């Protein structure tokens, strides 16, 4: 989605050019609409749409816009999604002037670069711990390779986890030190958690650093997943209190509500492809 300069290479070589779009079809629709938004909007409504895209005083907005304006130069767009997951979004891409979109997903790399992580023994020990847990009993908390939380939020989550009584596997990353740095590992994670938390939950949960997320999610012991859901990381002022976290955690692990049922349905449909 950000390598549209290759369109020029394809044209020079006289070969058809197709674009691979790894994000969902709904975001592809947004990218097609971005040039029109750029002409119509006179205000920055960053609270409603992705920060990196619509902050006009940042390079991100112009970067997205430059690439979006070239999508219609391709022969078609291959999207990592499937019809049952995004029927409306995929159907909405059928309008004049837009290259055809081909849903080919879900494309998931179950191993990827993670299999070459140097700390393989530690990763194996995490999987061994999961092997010893009952099916669908563990909530997995992980905010991605680029995700980290402030200490105040970590402690609220810790209190909520402890009070809920659920088994858990919690990947905690240290916030990056500079703007261009990635989250790192804590020397002693106990320093950022409530006093005695690790001792009180020793038989219930496991706190770790970086983990092989796909490998963990595919384990039968995992019964729930707490993550960032692809959202922007803003200024961190929206602190989620421990009681709020515990309430939603109980819905996730115990409830059989409509959302959970829909997720199970999509899980089955995704395996048909």
Protein backbone atom coordinates (compact mmCIF):
# COMPACT_ATOMS: atom_id res chain seq x y z
CA UNK A 1 0.00 0.00 0.00
CA UNK A 2 3.01 2.31 0.39
CA UNK A 3 5.10 1.18 -2.59
CA UNK A 4 3.22 2.82 -5.45
CA UNK A 5 6.51 3.87 -7.03
CA UNK A 6 6.65 0.29 -8.33
CA UNK A 7 3.79 1.22 -10.66
CA UNK A 8 6.34 3.22 -12.66
CA UNK A 9 8.68 0.21 -12.79
CA UNK A 10 5.88 -2.03 -14.09
CA UNK A 11 4.97 0.54 -16.73
CA UNK A 12 8.59 0.80 -17.88
CA UNK A 13 8.82 -2.98 -18.19
CA UNK A 14 5.44 -3.23 -19.90
CA UNK A 15 3.95 -5.66 -17.38
CA UNK A 16 0.59 -5.49 -15.56
CA UNK A 17 0.71 -3.95 -12.10
CA UNK A 18 -1.44 -5.20 -9.23
CA UNK A 19 -1.34 -3.84 -5.71
CA UNK A 20 -1.32 -6.07 -2.62
CA UNK A 21 -3.27 -4.42 0.21
CA UNK A 22 -2.56 -6.11 3.56
CA UNK A 23 -5.12 -4.06 5.50
CA UNK A 24 -8.90 -4.72 5.47
CA UNK A 25 -11.21 -3.74 2.63
CA UNK A 26 -12.83 -1.07 4.79
CA UNK A 27 -9.50 0.75 5.03
CA UNK A 28 -8.98 0.38 1.29
CA UNK A 29 -12.32 2.12 0.78
CA UNK A 30 -11.12 4.91 3.04
CA UNK A 31 -7.92 5.26 1.02
CA UNK A 32 -9.93 5.59 -2.19
CA UNK A 33 -12.03 8.30 -0.54
CA UNK A 34 -9.06 10.14 0.96
CA UNK A 35 -8.37 12.41 -2.06
CA UNK A 36 -11.99 13.60 -1.98
CA UNK A 37 -11.77 14.16 1.77
CA UNK A 38 -8.65 16.20 1.18
CA UNK A 39 -10.57 18.49 -1.16
CA UNK A 40 -13.62 18.84 1.07
CA UNK A 41 -12.28 19.12 4.60
CA UNK A 42 -10.97 22.32 6.07
CA UNK A 43 -10.59 21.13 9.66
CA UNK A 44 -8.50 18.48 11.34
CA UNK A 45 -10.85 15.92 12.93
CA UNK A 46 -8.12 13.65 14.25
CA UNK A 47 -10.37 12.41 17.07
CA UNK A 48 -12.59 10.64 14.52
CA UNK A 49 -10.14 9.09 12.06
CA UNK A 50 -6.57 7.72 12.06
CA UNK A 51 -4.15 10.26 13.49
CA UNK A 52 -1.31 9.59 11.08
CA UNK A 53 -3.59 10.11 8.08
CA UNK A 54 -5.49 13.29 8.86
CA UNK A 55 -3.10 15.43 10.87
CA UNK A 56 -2.44 17.94 8.15
CA UNK A 57 0.53 19.45 9.95
CA UNK A 58 2.29 16.07 9.81
CA UNK A 59 3.98 14.32 6.90
CA UNK A 60 1.78 11.27 7.42
CA UNK A 61 -1.30 12.86 5.86
CA UNK A 62 0.50 13.82 2.63
CA UNK A 63 2.22 10.43 2.53
CA UNK A 64 -1.10 8.58 2.65
CA UNK A 65 -2.65 10.98 0.15
CA UNK A 66 0.20 10.61 -2.35
CA UNK A 67 -0.13 6.84 -2.41
CA UNK A 68 -3.94 6.81 -2.41
CA UNK A 69 -4.01 9.01 -5.51
CA UNK A 70 -2.11 6.37 -7.47
CA UNK A 71 -4.19 3.30 -6.64
CA UNK A 72 -6.39 3.77 -9.69
CA UNK A 73 -3.33 3.34 -11.95
CA UNK A 74 -3.18 -0.39 -11.16
CA UNK A 75 -4.91 -3.25 -12.94
CA UNK A 76 -6.44 -4.49 -9.70
CA UNK A 77 -5.97 -4.69 -5.96
CA UNK A 78 -5.47 -7.93 -4.04
CA UNK A 79 -6.87 -7.53 -0.51
CA UNK A 80 -6.13 -9.65 2.54
CA UNK A 81 -9.75 -10.25 3.51
CA UNK A 82 -12.68 -12.48 2.61
CA UNK A 83 -16.26 -11.81 1.58
CA UNK A 84 -17.96 -13.20 4.69
CA UNK A 85 -15.88 -10.94 6.93
CA UNK A 86 -16.48 -7.66 5.06
CA UNK A 87 -19.40 -8.08 2.65
CA UNK A 88 -20.47 -4.42 2.73
CA UNK A 89 -16.93 -3.02 2.50
CA UNK A 90 -16.03 -5.28 -0.43
CA UNK A 91 -19.26 -4.50 -2.24
CA UNK A 92 -18.67 -0.77 -1.69
CA UNK A 93 -15.46 -0.97 -3.72
CA UNK A 94 -17.43 -1.62 -6.92
CA UNK A 95 -17.76 1.86 -8.38
CA UNK A 96 -16.61 3.53 -11.59
CA UNK A 97 -12.95 4.45 -11.94
CA UNK A 98 -11.74 2.05 -9.27
CA UNK A 99 -9.67 -1.03 -10.15
CA UNK A 100 -11.31 -4.37 -9.27
CA UNK A 101 -10.61 -5.68 -5.78
CA UNK A 102 -9.87 -9.36 -5.24
CA UNK A 103 -10.34 -10.68 -1.68
CA UNK A 104 -7.81 -13.49 -1.22
CA UNK A 105 -7.62 -13.83 2.58
CA UNK A 106 -7.21 -14.62 5.23
CA UNK A 107 -3.46 -14.75 4.58
CA UNK A 108 -1.74 -15.54 7.87
CA UNK A 109 1.92 -16.33 8.41
CA UNK A 110 1.82 -18.67 11.40
CA UNK A 111 5.60 -18.68 11.81
CA UNK A 112 7.17 -15.71 10.03
CA UNK A 113 10.16 -13.88 11.42
CA UNK A 114 9.12 -14.82 14.96
CA UNK A 115 10.49 -18.34 14.49
CA UNK A 116 14.00 -16.89 14.29
CA UNK A 117 13.75 -15.02 17.59
CA UNK A 118 17.03 -15.62 19.50
CA UNK A 119 15.26 -16.36 22.79
CA UNK A 120 13.73 -19.60 21.58
CA UNK A 121 14.10 -21.42 24.90
CA UNK A 122 12.06 -18.78 26.69
CA UNK A 123 9.34 -18.98 24.06
CA UNK A 124 9.24 -22.75 24.44
CA UNK A 125 8.85 -22.39 28.21
CA UNK A 126 5.84 -20.10 27.67
CA UNK A 127 4.23 -22.69 25.42
CA UNK A 128 4.98 -25.39 28.00
CA UNK A 129 3.19 -23.31 30.62
CA UNK A 130 0.18 -23.05 28.31
CA UNK A 131 0.26 -26.82 27.79
CA UNK A 132 -0.40 -27.23 31.51
CA UNK A 133 -3.51 -25.00 31.51
CA UNK A 134 -7.10 -26.16 30.87
CA UNK A 135 -8.62 -25.47 27.44
CA UNK A 136 -9.97 -21.94 26.87
CA UNK A 137 -9.03 -20.90 30.41
CA UNK A 138 -6.30 -18.30 29.80
CA UNK A 139 -6.72 -14.67 28.83
CA UNK A 140 -3.81 -13.45 26.69
CA UNK A 141 -2.82 -9.79 27.02
CA UNK A 142 -0.50 -8.49 24.30
CA UNK A 143 -0.33 -5.08 22.61
CA UNK A 144 1.83 -5.95 19.64
CA UNK A 145 5.49 -5.49 18.80
CA UNK A 146 5.08 -1.71 18.82
CA UNK A 147 2.65 -1.48 21.73
CA UNK A 148 3.41 -0.43 25.29
CA UNK A 149 1.47 1.08 28.18
CA UNK A 150 2.31 3.58 30.88
CA UNK A 151 2.94 2.31 34.40
CA UNK A 152 -0.35 3.74 35.69
CA UNK A 153 -2.31 1.69 33.15
CA UNK A 154 -0.27 -1.45 33.80
CA UNK A 155 -1.15 -1.28 37.47
CA UNK A 156 -4.87 -0.84 36.78
CA UNK A 157 -4.79 -3.90 34.55
CA UNK A 158 -2.89 -5.83 37.22
CA UNK A 159 -5.49 -5.03 39.89
CA UNK A 160 -8.30 -6.01 37.52
CA UNK A 161 -6.59 -9.27 36.57
CA UNK A 162 -5.88 -10.24 40.16
CA UNK A 163 -9.41 -9.50 41.34
CA UNK A 164 -10.98 -11.38 38.42
CA UNK A 165 -9.22 -14.61 39.33
CA UNK A 166 -8.70 -15.68 35.70
CA UNK A 167 -5.60 -17.44 34.44
CA UNK A 168 -3.55 -15.08 32.30
CA UNK A 169 -0.51 -14.72 30.07
CA UNK A 170 0.58 -11.08 29.99
CA UNK A 171 3.18 -9.67 27.59
CA UNK A 172 4.52 -6.38 28.99
CA UNK A 173 6.78 -4.11 26.94
CA UNK A 174 8.73 -1.09 28.11
CA UNK A 175 7.75 2.22 26.39
CA UNK A 176 10.30 3.37 23.78
CA UNK A 177 12.89 5.85 24.98
CA UNK A 178 12.91 7.92 21.79
CA UNK A 179 10.52 8.69 18.95
CA UNK A 180 12.28 6.30 16.58
CA UNK A 181 12.80 3.53 19.12
CA UNK A 182 10.67 0.41 19.56
CA UNK A 183 9.33 -0.86 22.89
CA UNK A 184 11.89 -2.81 24.86
CA UNK A 185 12.11 -5.27 27.73
CA UNK A 186 11.98 -4.42 31.44
CA UNK A 187 15.00 -5.46 33.48
CA UNK A 188 12.66 -6.22 36.37
CA UNK A 189 8.96 -6.14 35.52
CA UNK A 190 8.07 -6.26 39.22
CA UNK A 191 9.16 -2.61 39.47
CA UNK A 192 6.19 -1.44 37.38
CA UNK A 193 3.53 -3.73 38.86
CA UNK A 194 1.70 -3.47 42.20
CA UNK A 195 3.78 -4.62 45.16
CA UNK A 196 3.46 -8.39 45.60
CA UNK A 197 1.40 -8.90 42.42
CA UNK A 198 3.72 -11.53 40.95
CA UNK A 199 3.79 -13.51 44.21
CA UNK A 200 0.02 -13.41 44.68
CA UNK A 201 -0.66 -14.57 41.10
CA UNK A 202 2.25 -17.02 40.79
CA UNK A 203 -0.02 -20.04 40.46
CA UNK A 204 -2.51 -18.27 38.24
CA UNK A 205 -0.69 -16.30 35.60
CA UNK A 206 2.55 -15.70 33.76
CA UNK A 207 4.08 -12.29 33.02
CA UNK A 208 6.64 -12.13 30.22
CA UNK A 209 8.17 -9.82 27.63
CA UNK A 210 7.99 -10.28 23.86
CA UNK A 211 6.07 -13.38 22.76
CA UNK A 212 5.29 -15.19 19.53
CA UNK A 213 1.77 -13.83 19.30
CA UNK A 214 0.36 -16.06 16.55
CA UNK A 215 1.82 -19.16 18.14
CA UNK A 216 0.23 -18.28 21.47
CA UNK A 217 -3.15 -17.39 19.98
CA UNK A 218 -3.37 -20.75 18.24
CA UNK A 219 -2.95 -22.64 21.53
CA UNK A 220 -6.04 -24.40 22.85
CA UNK A 221 -5.57 -22.94 26.35
CA UNK A 222 -6.29 -19.39 25.16
CA UNK A 223 -9.86 -18.35 25.88
CA UNK A 224 -9.63 -14.59 25.35
CA UNK A 225 -7.38 -11.95 23.82
CA UNK A 226 -6.85 -8.39 25.08
CA UNK A 227 -5.02 -6.17 22.59
CA UNK A 228 -5.02 -2.72 20.99
CA UNK A 229 -7.30 -3.83 18.12
CA UNK A 230 -5.32 -1.75 15.62
CA UNK A 231 -6.24 1.55 17.28
CA UNK A 232 -4.08 4.65 17.41
CA UNK A 233 -1.97 5.23 20.47
CA UNK A 234 -2.97 8.73 21.55
CA UNK A 235 -1.76 10.78 24.51
CA UNK A 236 -2.45 8.04 27.06
CA UNK A 237 -4.87 10.19 29.07
CA UNK A 238 -7.79 7.74 28.74
CA UNK A 239 -6.94 5.54 31.70
CA UNK A 240 -9.02 2.36 31.93
CA UNK A 241 -9.77 1.75 35.62
CA UNK A 242 -9.28 -1.69 37.16
CA UNK A 243 -13.01 -2.22 37.77
CA UNK A 244 -13.79 -1.36 34.13
CA UNK A 245 -11.14 -3.77 32.91
CA UNK A 246 -12.39 -6.53 35.21
CA UNK A 247 -15.99 -6.01 34.07
CA UNK A 248 -15.11 -6.35 30.39
CA UNK A 249 -12.79 -9.25 31.13
CA UNK A 250 -15.68 -11.17 32.71
CA UNK A 251 -17.79 -10.49 29.61
CA UNK A 252 -14.97 -11.81 27.47
CA UNK A 253 -14.24 -14.96 29.43
CA UNK A 254 -17.66 -15.90 30.85
CA UNK A 255 -20.19 -14.29 28.57
CA UNK A 256 -21.91 -15.84 25.59
CA UNK A 257 -23.04 -12.54 24.15
CA UNK A 258 -23.66 -11.65 20.51
CA UNK A 259 -20.13 -10.40 19.90
CA UNK A 260 -18.50 -13.59 21.14
CA UNK A 261 -20.90 -15.70 19.10
CA UNK A 262 -20.08 -13.66 16.00
CA UNK A 263 -16.37 -14.15 16.54
CA UNK A 264 -16.83 -17.91 16.72
CA UNK A 265 -18.87 -17.79 13.52
CA UNK A 266 -16.15 -15.82 11.71
CA UNK A 267 -13.51 -18.23 12.98
CA UNK A 268 -15.29 -21.11 11.27
CA UNK A 269 -15.92 -19.19 8.04
CA UNK A 270 -12.31 -18.01 7.80
CA UNK A 271 -11.12 -21.62 7.79
CA UNK A 272 -13.16 -22.37 4.67
CA UNK A 273 -10.80 -20.26 2.59
